N, C-alpha and C. Protein backbone atom coordinates (compact mmCIF):
# COMPACT_ATOMS: atom_id res chain seq x y z
N UNK A 1 14.79 5.56 -16.23
CA UNK A 1 13.78 6.36 -15.60
C UNK A 1 14.13 7.83 -15.79
N UNK A 2 13.09 8.60 -16.03
CA UNK A 2 13.26 10.04 -16.15
C UNK A 2 12.26 10.72 -15.23
N UNK A 3 12.71 11.75 -14.52
CA UNK A 3 11.86 12.50 -13.60
C UNK A 3 11.65 13.90 -14.17
N UNK A 4 10.39 14.30 -14.24
CA UNK A 4 10.05 15.60 -14.81
C UNK A 4 9.22 16.37 -13.79
N UNK A 5 9.67 17.59 -13.46
CA UNK A 5 8.90 18.43 -12.54
C UNK A 5 7.85 19.18 -13.33
N UNK A 6 6.57 19.01 -12.97
CA UNK A 6 5.52 19.76 -13.66
C UNK A 6 5.74 21.26 -13.49
N UNK A 7 5.48 22.02 -14.54
CA UNK A 7 5.73 23.46 -14.52
C UNK A 7 4.76 24.20 -13.60
N UNK A 8 3.61 23.60 -13.32
CA UNK A 8 2.59 24.31 -12.56
C UNK A 8 2.63 24.03 -11.06
N UNK A 9 3.76 23.52 -10.55
CA UNK A 9 3.86 23.23 -9.12
C UNK A 9 5.22 23.62 -8.57
N UNK A 10 5.23 24.02 -7.32
CA UNK A 10 6.50 24.26 -6.64
C UNK A 10 6.76 23.17 -5.61
N UNK A 11 5.84 22.19 -5.54
CA UNK A 11 5.97 21.06 -4.61
C UNK A 11 7.10 20.13 -5.05
N UNK A 12 7.45 19.23 -4.15
CA UNK A 12 8.42 18.19 -4.49
C UNK A 12 7.68 17.04 -5.19
N UNK A 13 7.08 17.33 -6.33
CA UNK A 13 6.36 16.34 -7.11
C UNK A 13 7.10 16.15 -8.42
N UNK A 14 7.17 14.90 -8.86
CA UNK A 14 7.84 14.59 -10.13
C UNK A 14 7.02 13.55 -10.88
N UNK A 15 6.88 13.76 -12.19
CA UNK A 15 6.30 12.74 -13.07
C UNK A 15 7.41 11.76 -13.40
N UNK A 16 7.08 10.47 -13.40
CA UNK A 16 8.08 9.44 -13.67
C UNK A 16 7.76 8.77 -15.01
N UNK A 17 8.77 8.72 -15.89
CA UNK A 17 8.63 8.09 -17.19
C UNK A 17 9.66 6.97 -17.30
N UNK A 18 9.25 5.86 -17.87
CA UNK A 18 10.13 4.74 -18.17
C UNK A 18 10.26 4.72 -19.69
N UNK A 19 11.37 5.21 -20.20
CA UNK A 19 11.56 5.52 -21.62
C UNK A 19 10.52 6.57 -22.01
N UNK A 20 9.47 6.19 -22.73
CA UNK A 20 8.45 7.17 -23.11
C UNK A 20 7.11 6.90 -22.43
N UNK A 21 7.04 5.84 -21.63
CA UNK A 21 5.79 5.48 -20.96
C UNK A 21 5.68 6.17 -19.60
N UNK A 22 4.56 6.85 -19.39
CA UNK A 22 4.30 7.52 -18.11
C UNK A 22 4.01 6.46 -17.07
N UNK A 23 4.69 6.53 -15.92
CA UNK A 23 4.49 5.57 -14.83
C UNK A 23 3.65 6.11 -13.70
N UNK A 24 3.70 7.42 -13.45
CA UNK A 24 2.94 8.01 -12.37
C UNK A 24 3.68 9.19 -11.77
N UNK A 25 3.15 9.67 -10.65
CA UNK A 25 3.74 10.81 -9.95
C UNK A 25 4.32 10.35 -8.62
N UNK A 26 5.47 10.88 -8.26
CA UNK A 26 6.03 10.66 -6.93
C UNK A 26 6.07 12.00 -6.21
N UNK A 27 5.84 11.95 -4.90
CA UNK A 27 5.77 13.15 -4.07
C UNK A 27 6.68 12.97 -2.86
N UNK A 28 7.34 14.04 -2.47
CA UNK A 28 8.14 14.05 -1.25
C UNK A 28 7.34 14.75 -0.16
N UNK A 29 7.27 14.11 1.00
CA UNK A 29 6.60 14.70 2.15
C UNK A 29 7.64 14.97 3.22
N UNK A 30 7.63 16.17 3.80
CA UNK A 30 8.63 16.49 4.83
C UNK A 30 8.54 15.54 6.03
N UNK A 31 9.69 15.19 6.55
CA UNK A 31 9.80 14.33 7.72
C UNK A 31 11.06 14.75 8.46
N UNK A 32 11.11 14.56 9.75
CA UNK A 32 12.26 15.03 10.54
C UNK A 32 13.58 14.39 10.13
N UNK A 33 13.56 13.17 9.57
CA UNK A 33 14.78 12.50 9.14
C UNK A 33 15.04 12.64 7.65
N UNK A 34 14.33 13.52 6.98
CA UNK A 34 14.45 13.68 5.53
C UNK A 34 13.12 13.35 4.88
N UNK A 35 12.99 13.59 3.60
CA UNK A 35 11.69 13.40 2.95
C UNK A 35 11.26 11.93 2.91
N UNK A 36 9.96 11.73 2.97
CA UNK A 36 9.37 10.42 2.72
C UNK A 36 8.71 10.51 1.34
N UNK A 37 8.95 9.50 0.53
CA UNK A 37 8.45 9.50 -0.84
C UNK A 37 7.24 8.59 -0.96
N UNK A 38 6.27 9.02 -1.73
CA UNK A 38 5.11 8.19 -2.04
C UNK A 38 4.71 8.45 -3.48
N UNK A 39 3.95 7.52 -4.05
CA UNK A 39 3.43 7.77 -5.38
C UNK A 39 1.92 7.88 -5.30
N UNK A 40 1.34 8.47 -6.31
CA UNK A 40 -0.05 8.91 -6.25
C UNK A 40 -1.06 7.79 -6.00
N UNK A 41 -0.79 6.58 -6.41
CA UNK A 41 -1.76 5.50 -6.27
C UNK A 41 -1.63 4.72 -4.96
N UNK A 42 -0.77 5.17 -4.05
CA UNK A 42 -0.52 4.42 -2.82
C UNK A 42 -0.37 5.36 -1.63
N UNK A 43 -0.74 4.85 -0.48
CA UNK A 43 -0.54 5.61 0.76
C UNK A 43 0.78 5.25 1.43
N UNK A 44 1.48 4.25 0.90
CA UNK A 44 2.75 3.81 1.48
C UNK A 44 3.81 4.90 1.34
N UNK A 45 4.60 5.09 2.37
CA UNK A 45 5.70 6.06 2.38
C UNK A 45 7.03 5.31 2.33
N UNK A 46 7.99 5.85 1.59
CA UNK A 46 9.30 5.21 1.43
C UNK A 46 10.38 6.22 1.80
N UNK A 47 11.40 5.76 2.51
CA UNK A 47 12.50 6.65 2.90
C UNK A 47 13.39 7.01 1.72
N UNK A 48 13.51 6.13 0.77
CA UNK A 48 14.37 6.36 -0.40
C UNK A 48 13.52 6.49 -1.66
N UNK A 49 13.92 7.40 -2.53
CA UNK A 49 13.22 7.58 -3.80
C UNK A 49 13.25 6.28 -4.62
N UNK A 50 14.37 5.58 -4.60
CA UNK A 50 14.49 4.33 -5.35
C UNK A 50 13.46 3.30 -4.90
N UNK A 51 13.16 3.24 -3.60
CA UNK A 51 12.14 2.31 -3.10
C UNK A 51 10.76 2.68 -3.64
N UNK A 52 10.44 3.97 -3.68
CA UNK A 52 9.15 4.42 -4.21
C UNK A 52 9.03 4.09 -5.69
N UNK A 53 10.12 4.25 -6.44
CA UNK A 53 10.09 3.94 -7.88
C UNK A 53 9.92 2.44 -8.09
N UNK A 54 10.59 1.61 -7.27
CA UNK A 54 10.40 0.16 -7.39
C UNK A 54 8.96 -0.22 -7.13
N UNK A 55 8.35 0.39 -6.12
CA UNK A 55 6.94 0.11 -5.82
C UNK A 55 6.05 0.58 -6.96
N UNK A 56 6.38 1.69 -7.56
CA UNK A 56 5.60 2.21 -8.69
C UNK A 56 5.67 1.28 -9.90
N UNK A 57 6.80 0.61 -10.09
CA UNK A 57 6.97 -0.28 -11.25
C UNK A 57 6.32 -1.63 -11.06
N UNK A 58 5.96 -1.98 -9.83
CA UNK A 58 5.31 -3.28 -9.60
C UNK A 58 3.93 -3.30 -10.26
N UNK A 59 3.54 -4.46 -10.78
CA UNK A 59 2.18 -4.55 -11.40
C UNK A 59 1.07 -4.44 -10.38
């Protein structure tokens, strides 16, 4: 997995690539216990970035 920050944003947004295939965008949302991660196609929030990436890879 490779994470790329788009040049046109200062947000905690990253494009996710699996080798050369684009998988989607992940976003960090502020939370009192640390960021919650979500990806663009889902409203689900994840405490760990790895959990958000696993959800993104599911069919």
